[in-house]
Amino acid sequence: MPPTKTSAHQDTKDDDRHIVKRCSWAKSPLMIGYHDSEWGVPVSDERTFFEFLILEGAQAGLSWETVLKKRDTYRKVFDNFDAAAVALYKSNKIARLLAEPGIIRNRLKILAAVENAKAFLKVQSEFGTFNNYVRRFVDGQTRTNIWKSEAEVPARSAESDALSADLKRRKFKFVGSTICYAFMQATGLVNDHVVSCFRHKQL
């Protein structure tokens, strides 16, 4: 789902020449930058897939902007989201993470990141890449929706239900269907920019 839902688009001036229409949740400079350059862009990089998997899980119960503000620290303390490195974290590293004010210090979410790293490596071993694995849930191509209003954008879908169930079977944590749908939106498996948003057509 989008980070927030309000009206259909957010208007801002671009170089004082014309109005740029965006999804309405892109309001702050941080969220506008994320909306314009990342949200809905198809991902193929394995590190990026793992990063969004962990960050979307970390968001549970919080705002996406809160997570984005902590993203640089996450990258630093989680070895730039190298799944092979995170999979080896032991109790002393977890203790340091729990003491790190620059991330979300939730023990269950931190432990889930380590378990998800192990599960992520197993998926890579089985399918060659996580990209190969996850694109099976959208038949290999981005699902482009034609929402006129953000009120129409769902919080989950049949595809996210299937992905969630399969990830849980593979021992991933914090991968409920809503989290999986947000992950699919973030990584470009789904294009949920409303049709009035300039990024909808671009993607």
N, C-alpha and C. Protein backbone atom coordinates (compact mmCIF):
# COMPACT_ATOMS: atom_id res chain seq x y z
N MET A 1 0.85 -1.19 0.00
CA MET A 1 0.00 0.00 0.00
C MET A 1 0.88 1.23 0.00
N PRO A 2 0.36 2.40 -0.48
CA PRO A 2 1.15 3.61 -0.40
C PRO A 2 1.42 3.94 1.06
N PRO A 3 2.48 4.70 1.36
CA PRO A 3 2.76 5.06 2.74
C PRO A 3 1.58 5.72 3.46
N THR A 4 0.79 6.53 2.76
CA THR A 4 -0.44 7.08 3.33
C THR A 4 -1.45 7.21 2.22
N LYS A 5 -2.70 7.38 2.58
CA LYS A 5 -3.75 7.59 1.59
C LYS A 5 -4.52 8.86 1.92
N THR A 6 -4.53 9.79 0.95
CA THR A 6 -5.38 10.96 1.11
C THR A 6 -6.06 11.21 -0.22
N SER A 7 -5.79 12.37 -0.85
CA SER A 7 -6.44 12.66 -2.13
C SER A 7 -5.66 12.02 -3.27
N ALA A 8 -6.14 12.21 -4.48
CA ALA A 8 -5.59 11.48 -5.62
C ALA A 8 -4.18 11.89 -5.99
N HIS A 9 -3.83 13.16 -5.78
CA HIS A 9 -2.49 13.56 -6.16
C HIS A 9 -2.01 14.74 -5.32
N GLN A 10 -0.71 14.94 -5.35
CA GLN A 10 -0.09 16.06 -4.67
C GLN A 10 0.52 16.95 -5.74
N ASP A 11 0.12 18.22 -5.78
CA ASP A 11 0.64 19.15 -6.78
C ASP A 11 1.81 19.93 -6.22
N THR A 12 2.89 19.99 -6.96
CA THR A 12 4.02 20.84 -6.59
C THR A 12 4.53 21.52 -7.84
N LYS A 13 5.17 22.66 -7.68
CA LYS A 13 5.72 23.37 -8.82
C LYS A 13 7.09 22.80 -9.16
N ASP A 14 7.34 22.60 -10.43
CA ASP A 14 8.62 22.12 -10.91
C ASP A 14 9.30 23.27 -11.64
N ASP A 15 10.33 23.85 -10.98
CA ASP A 15 11.07 24.98 -11.56
C ASP A 15 10.15 26.16 -11.89
N ASP A 16 9.03 26.28 -11.16
CA ASP A 16 8.09 27.38 -11.32
C ASP A 16 7.51 27.49 -12.73
N ARG A 17 7.58 26.43 -13.51
CA ARG A 17 7.08 26.47 -14.87
C ARG A 17 5.76 25.73 -15.03
N HIS A 18 5.63 24.59 -14.37
CA HIS A 18 4.38 23.86 -14.49
C HIS A 18 4.14 23.03 -13.24
N ILE A 19 2.92 22.57 -13.10
CA ILE A 19 2.54 21.80 -11.93
C ILE A 19 2.82 20.32 -12.18
N VAL A 20 3.51 19.71 -11.23
CA VAL A 20 3.78 18.27 -11.29
C VAL A 20 2.81 17.58 -10.35
N LYS A 21 2.05 16.65 -10.88
CA LYS A 21 1.08 15.93 -10.06
C LYS A 21 1.69 14.62 -9.57
N ARG A 22 1.65 14.44 -8.26
CA ARG A 22 2.20 13.24 -7.63
C ARG A 22 1.12 12.56 -6.79
N CYS A 23 1.39 11.32 -6.42
CA CYS A 23 0.56 10.65 -5.42
C CYS A 23 0.59 11.49 -4.16
N SER A 24 -0.53 11.63 -3.50
CA SER A 24 -0.68 12.62 -2.43
C SER A 24 0.18 12.35 -1.21
N TRP A 25 0.64 11.09 -1.02
CA TRP A 25 1.45 10.81 0.17
C TRP A 25 2.86 11.39 0.06
N ALA A 26 3.26 11.80 -1.15
CA ALA A 26 4.60 12.37 -1.34
C ALA A 26 4.55 13.86 -1.03
N LYS A 27 4.77 14.20 0.24
CA LYS A 27 4.64 15.59 0.67
C LYS A 27 5.96 16.19 1.14
N SER A 28 6.69 15.50 1.98
CA SER A 28 7.96 16.03 2.48
C SER A 28 9.05 15.83 1.43
N PRO A 29 10.14 16.58 1.51
CA PRO A 29 11.24 16.38 0.56
C PRO A 29 11.73 14.94 0.52
N LEU A 30 11.79 14.29 1.68
CA LEU A 30 12.26 12.90 1.74
C LEU A 30 11.29 11.98 1.01
N MET A 31 10.01 12.17 1.24
CA MET A 31 9.01 11.30 0.60
C MET A 31 8.88 11.60 -0.90
N ILE A 32 9.03 12.86 -1.27
CA ILE A 32 8.98 13.21 -2.69
C ILE A 32 10.15 12.57 -3.43
N GLY A 33 11.33 12.63 -2.84
CA GLY A 33 12.50 12.01 -3.46
C GLY A 33 12.31 10.51 -3.64
N TYR A 34 11.77 9.86 -2.61
CA TYR A 34 11.53 8.42 -2.68
C TYR A 34 10.47 8.10 -3.74
N HIS A 35 9.39 8.86 -3.73
CA HIS A 35 8.30 8.68 -4.70
C HIS A 35 8.81 8.83 -6.14
N ASP A 36 9.58 9.87 -6.37
CA ASP A 36 9.98 10.20 -7.73
C ASP A 36 11.06 9.27 -8.29
N SER A 37 11.89 8.73 -7.41
CA SER A 37 13.05 7.97 -7.91
C SER A 37 13.03 6.48 -7.61
N GLU A 38 12.20 6.04 -6.64
CA GLU A 38 12.26 4.64 -6.23
C GLU A 38 10.93 3.88 -6.26
N TRP A 39 9.89 4.49 -5.71
CA TRP A 39 8.64 3.75 -5.50
C TRP A 39 8.07 3.28 -6.84
N GLY A 40 7.92 1.99 -6.99
CA GLY A 40 7.36 1.43 -8.20
C GLY A 40 8.36 1.13 -9.30
N VAL A 41 9.63 1.49 -9.08
CA VAL A 41 10.66 1.21 -10.08
C VAL A 41 11.06 -0.26 -9.99
N PRO A 42 11.00 -1.01 -11.09
CA PRO A 42 11.35 -2.43 -11.04
C PRO A 42 12.77 -2.67 -10.55
N VAL A 43 12.89 -3.53 -9.56
CA VAL A 43 14.18 -3.87 -8.95
C VAL A 43 14.66 -5.21 -9.51
N SER A 44 15.96 -5.31 -9.73
CA SER A 44 16.56 -6.59 -10.09
C SER A 44 17.75 -6.92 -9.21
N ASP A 45 18.26 -5.89 -8.52
CA ASP A 45 19.42 -6.05 -7.65
C ASP A 45 19.07 -6.82 -6.38
N GLU A 46 19.84 -7.82 -6.07
CA GLU A 46 19.54 -8.68 -4.92
C GLU A 46 19.64 -7.93 -3.59
N ARG A 47 20.65 -7.09 -3.45
CA ARG A 47 20.80 -6.33 -2.21
C ARG A 47 19.59 -5.44 -1.97
N THR A 48 19.10 -4.83 -3.04
CA THR A 48 17.94 -3.94 -2.90
C THR A 48 16.69 -4.71 -2.50
N PHE A 49 16.51 -5.89 -3.08
CA PHE A 49 15.37 -6.71 -2.66
C PHE A 49 15.46 -7.01 -1.16
N PHE A 50 16.64 -7.39 -0.69
CA PHE A 50 16.78 -7.73 0.72
C PHE A 50 16.57 -6.48 1.59
N GLU A 51 17.06 -5.35 1.13
CA GLU A 51 16.87 -4.10 1.88
C GLU A 51 15.39 -3.80 2.07
N PHE A 52 14.62 -3.85 1.00
CA PHE A 52 13.20 -3.54 1.12
C PHE A 52 12.46 -4.61 1.93
N LEU A 53 12.89 -5.84 1.84
CA LEU A 53 12.26 -6.89 2.64
C LEU A 53 12.41 -6.58 4.13
N ILE A 54 13.61 -6.15 4.52
CA ILE A 54 13.86 -5.84 5.93
C ILE A 54 13.20 -4.53 6.34
N LEU A 55 13.29 -3.51 5.50
CA LEU A 55 12.71 -2.22 5.86
C LEU A 55 11.19 -2.25 5.91
N GLU A 56 10.56 -2.98 5.00
CA GLU A 56 9.10 -3.08 5.04
C GLU A 56 8.65 -3.80 6.31
N GLY A 57 9.40 -4.81 6.72
CA GLY A 57 9.08 -5.49 7.97
C GLY A 57 9.29 -4.59 9.16
N ALA A 58 10.33 -3.76 9.10
CA ALA A 58 10.62 -2.83 10.20
C ALA A 58 9.54 -1.77 10.31
N GLN A 59 8.87 -1.46 9.20
CA GLN A 59 7.86 -0.41 9.20
C GLN A 59 6.62 -0.80 9.99
N ALA A 60 6.34 -2.07 10.14
CA ALA A 60 5.09 -2.53 10.75
C ALA A 60 4.73 -1.70 11.99
N GLY A 61 3.59 -1.03 11.93
CA GLY A 61 3.12 -0.22 13.03
C GLY A 61 3.66 1.21 13.02
N LEU A 62 4.49 1.54 12.03
CA LEU A 62 5.11 2.86 11.96
C LEU A 62 4.86 3.47 10.59
N SER A 63 5.28 4.72 10.40
CA SER A 63 5.16 5.36 9.10
C SER A 63 6.38 5.04 8.25
N TRP A 64 6.20 5.06 6.93
CA TRP A 64 7.32 4.81 6.03
C TRP A 64 8.35 5.93 6.12
N GLU A 65 7.90 7.14 6.37
CA GLU A 65 8.85 8.25 6.51
C GLU A 65 9.78 8.02 7.69
N THR A 66 9.26 7.46 8.77
CA THR A 66 10.11 7.14 9.92
C THR A 66 11.22 6.18 9.51
N VAL A 67 10.86 5.18 8.71
CA VAL A 67 11.85 4.21 8.25
C VAL A 67 12.87 4.87 7.33
N LEU A 68 12.41 5.71 6.40
CA LEU A 68 13.33 6.36 5.48
C LEU A 68 14.34 7.25 6.21
N LYS A 69 13.91 7.89 7.28
CA LYS A 69 14.82 8.73 8.05
C LYS A 69 15.94 7.92 8.68
N LYS A 70 15.68 6.64 8.93
CA LYS A 70 16.65 5.77 9.56
C LYS A 70 17.40 4.88 8.55
N ARG A 71 17.09 5.04 7.29
CA ARG A 71 17.60 4.14 6.26
C ARG A 71 19.13 4.13 6.17
N ASP A 72 19.74 5.30 6.22
CA ASP A 72 21.20 5.36 6.11
C ASP A 72 21.87 4.62 7.27
N THR A 73 21.32 4.76 8.47
CA THR A 73 21.88 4.04 9.62
C THR A 73 21.66 2.55 9.46
N TYR A 74 20.49 2.15 8.99
CA TYR A 74 20.24 0.73 8.72
C TYR A 74 21.31 0.17 7.78
N ARG A 75 21.59 0.89 6.72
CA ARG A 75 22.58 0.42 5.76
C ARG A 75 23.96 0.25 6.42
N LYS A 76 24.28 1.19 7.29
CA LYS A 76 25.58 1.14 7.95
C LYS A 76 25.69 -0.03 8.92
N VAL A 77 24.69 -0.20 9.76
CA VAL A 77 24.79 -1.22 10.81
C VAL A 77 24.37 -2.62 10.35
N PHE A 78 23.69 -2.70 9.20
CA PHE A 78 23.32 -4.01 8.65
C PHE A 78 24.19 -4.37 7.44
N ASP A 79 25.45 -3.94 7.47
CA ASP A 79 26.40 -4.32 6.43
C ASP A 79 25.86 -4.06 5.03
N ASN A 80 25.25 -2.88 4.85
CA ASN A 80 24.68 -2.49 3.56
C ASN A 80 23.72 -3.55 3.02
N PHE A 81 23.03 -4.19 3.94
CA PHE A 81 22.03 -5.22 3.61
C PHE A 81 22.61 -6.36 2.77
N ASP A 82 23.79 -6.78 3.17
CA ASP A 82 24.40 -7.98 2.60
C ASP A 82 23.80 -9.17 3.35
N ALA A 83 22.94 -9.92 2.67
CA ALA A 83 22.23 -11.01 3.34
C ALA A 83 23.19 -12.04 3.92
N ALA A 84 24.28 -12.33 3.21
CA ALA A 84 25.25 -13.31 3.70
C ALA A 84 25.88 -12.87 5.01
N ALA A 85 26.12 -11.56 5.15
CA ALA A 85 26.69 -11.04 6.39
C ALA A 85 25.65 -11.04 7.51
N VAL A 86 24.43 -10.59 7.21
CA VAL A 86 23.39 -10.51 8.23
C VAL A 86 23.03 -11.90 8.75
N ALA A 87 23.08 -12.89 7.90
CA ALA A 87 22.74 -14.26 8.31
C ALA A 87 23.68 -14.80 9.39
N LEU A 88 24.85 -14.20 9.52
CA LEU A 88 25.85 -14.66 10.49
C LEU A 88 25.80 -13.90 11.81
N TYR A 89 24.88 -12.95 11.95
CA TYR A 89 24.81 -12.16 13.18
C TYR A 89 24.52 -13.06 14.39
N LYS A 90 25.28 -12.82 15.45
CA LYS A 90 25.12 -13.56 16.70
C LYS A 90 24.61 -12.63 17.80
N SER A 91 24.51 -13.15 18.99
CA SER A 91 23.91 -12.41 20.10
C SER A 91 24.62 -11.09 20.40
N ASN A 92 25.95 -11.05 20.26
CA ASN A 92 26.66 -9.80 20.57
C ASN A 92 26.32 -8.71 19.55
N LYS A 93 26.20 -9.08 18.28
CA LYS A 93 25.83 -8.11 17.25
C LYS A 93 24.39 -7.66 17.46
N ILE A 94 23.51 -8.58 17.80
CA ILE A 94 22.11 -8.22 18.05
C ILE A 94 22.00 -7.26 19.23
N ALA A 95 22.82 -7.47 20.25
CA ALA A 95 22.83 -6.56 21.40
C ALA A 95 23.25 -5.16 20.98
N ARG A 96 24.24 -5.07 20.09
CA ARG A 96 24.68 -3.75 19.61
C ARG A 96 23.58 -3.07 18.79
N LEU A 97 22.87 -3.86 18.00
CA LEU A 97 21.78 -3.30 17.21
C LEU A 97 20.66 -2.79 18.10
N LEU A 98 20.38 -3.51 19.17
CA LEU A 98 19.33 -3.09 20.09
C LEU A 98 19.70 -1.79 20.82
N ALA A 99 20.99 -1.49 20.87
CA ALA A 99 21.46 -0.26 21.52
C ALA A 99 21.67 0.88 20.52
N GLU A 100 21.40 0.63 19.24
CA GLU A 100 21.63 1.63 18.19
C GLU A 100 20.40 2.53 18.04
N PRO A 101 20.52 3.82 18.43
CA PRO A 101 19.35 4.71 18.37
C PRO A 101 18.91 5.07 16.95
N GLY A 102 19.77 4.81 15.97
CA GLY A 102 19.46 5.21 14.60
C GLY A 102 18.59 4.23 13.83
N ILE A 103 18.21 3.11 14.47
CA ILE A 103 17.31 2.16 13.83
C ILE A 103 16.10 1.92 14.75
N ILE A 104 15.18 1.10 14.28
CA ILE A 104 14.01 0.75 15.08
C ILE A 104 14.42 -0.40 16.01
N ARG A 105 14.52 -0.10 17.28
CA ARG A 105 15.09 -1.07 18.24
C ARG A 105 14.01 -2.01 18.79
N ASN A 106 13.55 -2.84 17.92
CA ASN A 106 12.55 -3.83 18.26
C ASN A 106 13.20 -5.20 18.14
N ARG A 107 13.29 -5.93 19.24
CA ARG A 107 14.02 -7.20 19.24
C ARG A 107 13.46 -8.18 18.21
N LEU A 108 12.15 -8.30 18.15
CA LEU A 108 11.55 -9.26 17.22
C LEU A 108 11.87 -8.91 15.77
N LYS A 109 11.86 -7.61 15.45
CA LYS A 109 12.16 -7.18 14.08
C LYS A 109 13.64 -7.40 13.75
N ILE A 110 14.52 -7.18 14.69
CA ILE A 110 15.94 -7.40 14.47
C ILE A 110 16.24 -8.89 14.31
N LEU A 111 15.65 -9.70 15.18
CA LEU A 111 15.84 -11.15 15.05
C LEU A 111 15.25 -11.65 13.73
N ALA A 112 14.12 -11.06 13.32
CA ALA A 112 13.51 -11.45 12.06
C ALA A 112 14.42 -11.13 10.89
N ALA A 113 15.14 -10.02 10.95
CA ALA A 113 16.06 -9.66 9.88
C ALA A 113 17.13 -10.73 9.70
N VAL A 114 17.63 -11.27 10.80
CA VAL A 114 18.65 -12.31 10.74
C VAL A 114 18.07 -13.60 10.16
N GLU A 115 16.89 -13.98 10.63
CA GLU A 115 16.25 -15.19 10.11
C GLU A 115 15.88 -15.02 8.63
N ASN A 116 15.45 -13.81 8.28
CA ASN A 116 15.10 -13.57 6.88
C ASN A 116 16.32 -13.62 5.98
N ALA A 117 17.46 -13.21 6.51
CA ALA A 117 18.70 -13.30 5.72
C ALA A 117 19.02 -14.76 5.41
N LYS A 118 18.86 -15.62 6.39
CA LYS A 118 19.11 -17.04 6.18
C LYS A 118 18.14 -17.63 5.16
N ALA A 119 16.86 -17.24 5.28
CA ALA A 119 15.85 -17.73 4.34
C ALA A 119 16.08 -17.17 2.94
N PHE A 120 16.53 -15.93 2.87
CA PHE A 120 16.82 -15.27 1.60
C PHE A 120 17.92 -16.02 0.86
N LEU A 121 18.96 -16.42 1.57
CA LEU A 121 20.06 -17.17 0.96
C LEU A 121 19.59 -18.52 0.43
N LYS A 122 18.67 -19.14 1.15
CA LYS A 122 18.14 -20.43 0.70
C LYS A 122 17.33 -20.26 -0.59
N VAL A 123 16.57 -19.17 -0.68
CA VAL A 123 15.81 -18.90 -1.89
C VAL A 123 16.77 -18.67 -3.06
N GLN A 124 17.82 -17.90 -2.82
CA GLN A 124 18.81 -17.67 -3.87
C GLN A 124 19.43 -18.98 -4.34
N SER A 125 19.71 -19.85 -3.40
CA SER A 125 20.31 -21.14 -3.74
C SER A 125 19.36 -21.98 -4.58
N GLU A 126 18.07 -21.92 -4.27
CA GLU A 126 17.09 -22.73 -4.98
C GLU A 126 16.73 -22.17 -6.36
N PHE A 127 16.61 -20.84 -6.45
CA PHE A 127 16.11 -20.23 -7.69
C PHE A 127 17.18 -19.48 -8.48
N GLY A 128 18.40 -19.43 -7.97
CA GLY A 128 19.46 -18.69 -8.64
C GLY A 128 19.55 -17.26 -8.14
N THR A 129 18.43 -16.58 -8.10
CA THR A 129 18.35 -15.23 -7.54
C THR A 129 16.99 -15.06 -6.87
N PHE A 130 16.92 -14.12 -5.94
CA PHE A 130 15.62 -13.80 -5.34
C PHE A 130 14.72 -13.18 -6.39
N ASN A 131 15.31 -12.45 -7.32
CA ASN A 131 14.55 -11.85 -8.41
C ASN A 131 13.79 -12.92 -9.20
N ASN A 132 14.47 -14.02 -9.52
CA ASN A 132 13.81 -15.11 -10.23
C ASN A 132 12.63 -15.66 -9.43
N TYR A 133 12.84 -15.76 -8.13
CA TYR A 133 11.81 -16.31 -7.25
C TYR A 133 10.59 -15.40 -7.18
N VAL A 134 10.82 -14.13 -6.86
CA VAL A 134 9.70 -13.25 -6.53
C VAL A 134 8.88 -12.87 -7.77
N ARG A 135 9.50 -12.80 -8.92
CA ARG A 135 8.76 -12.41 -10.13
C ARG A 135 7.79 -13.48 -10.60
N ARG A 136 7.93 -14.68 -10.08
CA ARG A 136 6.97 -15.73 -10.39
C ARG A 136 5.56 -15.35 -9.93
N PHE A 137 5.48 -14.49 -8.92
CA PHE A 137 4.18 -14.14 -8.34
C PHE A 137 3.44 -13.08 -9.16
N VAL A 138 4.12 -12.48 -10.15
CA VAL A 138 3.47 -11.52 -11.05
C VAL A 138 3.67 -11.93 -12.51
N ASP A 139 3.89 -13.22 -12.70
CA ASP A 139 4.07 -13.77 -14.05
C ASP A 139 5.20 -13.08 -14.82
N GLY A 140 6.21 -12.65 -14.07
CA GLY A 140 7.42 -12.13 -14.70
C GLY A 140 7.38 -10.68 -15.15
N GLN A 141 6.27 -9.99 -14.93
CA GLN A 141 6.21 -8.59 -15.35
C GLN A 141 5.42 -7.74 -14.37
N THR A 142 5.75 -6.46 -14.36
CA THR A 142 5.09 -5.52 -13.46
C THR A 142 3.59 -5.47 -13.71
N ARG A 143 2.82 -5.52 -12.64
CA ARG A 143 1.37 -5.34 -12.72
C ARG A 143 1.08 -3.84 -12.65
N THR A 144 0.65 -3.26 -13.74
CA THR A 144 0.34 -1.84 -13.77
C THR A 144 -1.15 -1.64 -13.57
N ASN A 145 -1.51 -1.01 -12.47
CA ASN A 145 -2.91 -0.76 -12.16
C ASN A 145 -3.33 0.61 -12.67
N ILE A 146 -4.61 0.85 -12.73
CA ILE A 146 -5.13 2.11 -13.27
C ILE A 146 -6.05 2.78 -12.25
N TRP A 147 -5.52 3.01 -11.08
CA TRP A 147 -6.29 3.64 -10.02
C TRP A 147 -6.46 5.13 -10.31
N LYS A 148 -7.68 5.63 -10.21
CA LYS A 148 -7.94 7.05 -10.36
C LYS A 148 -7.79 7.79 -9.04
N SER A 149 -7.96 7.06 -7.95
CA SER A 149 -7.88 7.65 -6.62
C SER A 149 -7.09 6.73 -5.71
N GLU A 150 -6.36 7.30 -4.78
CA GLU A 150 -5.61 6.47 -3.84
C GLU A 150 -6.53 5.66 -2.93
N ALA A 151 -7.78 6.09 -2.84
CA ALA A 151 -8.75 5.31 -2.06
C ALA A 151 -8.99 3.95 -2.69
N GLU A 152 -8.70 3.83 -3.99
CA GLU A 152 -8.89 2.57 -4.68
C GLU A 152 -7.74 1.60 -4.48
N VAL A 153 -6.59 2.10 -4.08
CA VAL A 153 -5.39 1.26 -3.96
C VAL A 153 -5.57 0.30 -2.79
N PRO A 154 -5.45 -0.99 -3.05
CA PRO A 154 -5.68 -1.97 -1.98
C PRO A 154 -4.49 -2.09 -1.03
N ALA A 155 -4.72 -2.69 0.11
CA ALA A 155 -3.65 -2.94 1.07
C ALA A 155 -3.02 -4.31 0.84
N ARG A 156 -3.68 -5.13 0.04
CA ARG A 156 -3.18 -6.47 -0.25
C ARG A 156 -3.82 -6.94 -1.55
N SER A 157 -3.36 -8.05 -2.07
CA SER A 157 -3.90 -8.59 -3.31
C SER A 157 -3.77 -10.11 -3.29
N ALA A 158 -4.34 -10.75 -4.28
CA ALA A 158 -4.19 -12.21 -4.38
C ALA A 158 -2.72 -12.58 -4.52
N GLU A 159 -1.96 -11.74 -5.23
CA GLU A 159 -0.54 -12.01 -5.42
C GLU A 159 0.24 -11.85 -4.12
N SER A 160 -0.09 -10.82 -3.35
CA SER A 160 0.61 -10.63 -2.08
C SER A 160 0.22 -11.71 -1.08
N ASP A 161 -1.02 -12.17 -1.15
CA ASP A 161 -1.45 -13.29 -0.30
C ASP A 161 -0.61 -14.53 -0.61
N ALA A 162 -0.43 -14.79 -1.90
CA ALA A 162 0.35 -15.97 -2.31
C ALA A 162 1.81 -15.83 -1.92
N LEU A 163 2.38 -14.63 -2.12
CA LEU A 163 3.77 -14.41 -1.76
C LEU A 163 3.95 -14.55 -0.25
N SER A 164 3.06 -13.96 0.52
CA SER A 164 3.13 -14.05 1.97
C SER A 164 3.10 -15.50 2.44
N ALA A 165 2.17 -16.26 1.91
CA ALA A 165 2.04 -17.66 2.32
C ALA A 165 3.31 -18.45 2.00
N ASP A 166 3.88 -18.18 0.83
CA ASP A 166 5.07 -18.92 0.44
C ASP A 166 6.29 -18.51 1.26
N LEU A 167 6.41 -17.20 1.53
CA LEU A 167 7.53 -16.74 2.35
C LEU A 167 7.43 -17.31 3.77
N LYS A 168 6.23 -17.34 4.31
CA LYS A 168 6.05 -17.91 5.65
C LYS A 168 6.43 -19.39 5.65
N ARG A 169 6.06 -20.08 4.60
CA ARG A 169 6.42 -21.50 4.48
C ARG A 169 7.93 -21.68 4.46
N ARG A 170 8.61 -20.68 3.94
CA ARG A 170 10.07 -20.72 3.86
C ARG A 170 10.74 -20.11 5.09
N LYS A 171 9.96 -19.87 6.14
CA LYS A 171 10.45 -19.41 7.44
C LYS A 171 10.82 -17.94 7.50
N PHE A 172 10.33 -17.13 6.57
CA PHE A 172 10.51 -15.68 6.66
C PHE A 172 9.58 -15.15 7.75
N LYS A 173 9.99 -14.04 8.38
CA LYS A 173 9.20 -13.40 9.43
C LYS A 173 8.79 -11.99 9.00
N PHE A 174 7.72 -11.48 9.61
CA PHE A 174 7.19 -10.15 9.30
C PHE A 174 6.90 -10.05 7.80
N VAL A 175 6.20 -11.02 7.29
CA VAL A 175 5.86 -11.05 5.86
C VAL A 175 4.36 -11.33 5.67
N GLY A 176 3.54 -10.63 6.45
CA GLY A 176 2.10 -10.73 6.24
C GLY A 176 1.75 -10.16 4.87
N SER A 177 0.55 -10.40 4.41
CA SER A 177 0.16 -9.98 3.07
C SER A 177 0.25 -8.47 2.86
N THR A 178 -0.11 -7.68 3.87
CA THR A 178 -0.02 -6.22 3.74
C THR A 178 1.42 -5.77 3.57
N ILE A 179 2.32 -6.35 4.37
CA ILE A 179 3.74 -6.04 4.24
C ILE A 179 4.25 -6.48 2.88
N CYS A 180 3.83 -7.64 2.43
CA CYS A 180 4.26 -8.14 1.12
C CYS A 180 3.76 -7.24 -0.01
N TYR A 181 2.54 -6.72 0.12
CA TYR A 181 2.04 -5.84 -0.93
C TYR A 181 2.84 -4.54 -0.97
N ALA A 182 3.16 -4.00 0.19
CA ALA A 182 4.01 -2.80 0.24
C ALA A 182 5.38 -3.09 -0.38
N PHE A 183 5.91 -4.27 -0.12
CA PHE A 183 7.18 -4.70 -0.72
C PHE A 183 7.06 -4.78 -2.23
N MET A 184 5.96 -5.30 -2.73
CA MET A 184 5.75 -5.41 -4.16
C MET A 184 5.63 -4.03 -4.82
N GLN A 185 4.98 -3.11 -4.13
CA GLN A 185 4.89 -1.74 -4.64
C GLN A 185 6.26 -1.08 -4.67
N ALA A 186 7.00 -1.25 -3.60
CA ALA A 186 8.31 -0.60 -3.47
C ALA A 186 9.30 -1.09 -4.52
N THR A 187 9.23 -2.38 -4.85
CA THR A 187 10.21 -2.97 -5.75
C THR A 187 9.74 -3.07 -7.20
N GLY A 188 8.62 -2.44 -7.50
CA GLY A 188 8.17 -2.38 -8.88
C GLY A 188 7.54 -3.65 -9.41
N LEU A 189 7.17 -4.55 -8.53
CA LEU A 189 6.39 -5.71 -8.97
C LEU A 189 4.97 -5.26 -9.29
N VAL A 190 4.59 -4.14 -8.66
CA VAL A 190 3.29 -3.52 -8.89
C VAL A 190 3.51 -2.03 -9.09
N ASN A 191 2.83 -1.45 -10.07
CA ASN A 191 2.84 0.00 -10.26
C ASN A 191 1.50 0.53 -9.76
N ASP A 192 1.53 1.13 -8.57
CA ASP A 192 0.30 1.64 -7.98
C ASP A 192 0.26 3.16 -7.92
N HIS A 193 1.07 3.83 -8.74
CA HIS A 193 0.91 5.28 -8.87
C HIS A 193 -0.47 5.54 -9.49
N VAL A 194 -1.21 6.50 -8.95
CA VAL A 194 -2.50 6.82 -9.53
C VAL A 194 -2.28 7.39 -10.93
N VAL A 195 -3.30 7.28 -11.79
CA VAL A 195 -3.12 7.66 -13.19
C VAL A 195 -2.82 9.15 -13.37
N SER A 196 -3.22 9.99 -12.41
CA SER A 196 -2.94 11.42 -12.50
C SER A 196 -1.51 11.77 -12.11
N CYS A 197 -0.79 10.81 -11.53
CA CYS A 197 0.60 11.02 -11.11
C CYS A 197 1.53 10.89 -12.31
N PHE A 198 2.49 11.80 -12.42
CA PHE A 198 3.38 11.78 -13.57
C PHE A 198 4.20 10.51 -13.67
N ARG A 199 4.40 9.82 -12.55
CA ARG A 199 5.21 8.60 -12.57
C ARG A 199 4.46 7.38 -13.11
N HIS A 200 3.14 7.44 -13.09
CA HIS A 200 2.36 6.30 -13.57
C HIS A 200 2.71 5.96 -15.01
N LYS A 201 2.69 6.96 -15.86
CA LYS A 201 2.97 6.72 -17.28
C LYS A 201 4.43 6.39 -17.50
N GLN A 202 5.31 7.04 -16.75
CA GLN A 202 6.74 6.81 -16.92
C GLN A 202 7.12 5.36 -16.61
N LEU A 203 6.42 4.75 -15.65
CA LEU A 203 6.75 3.39 -15.24
C LEU A 203 5.92 2.35 -16.00
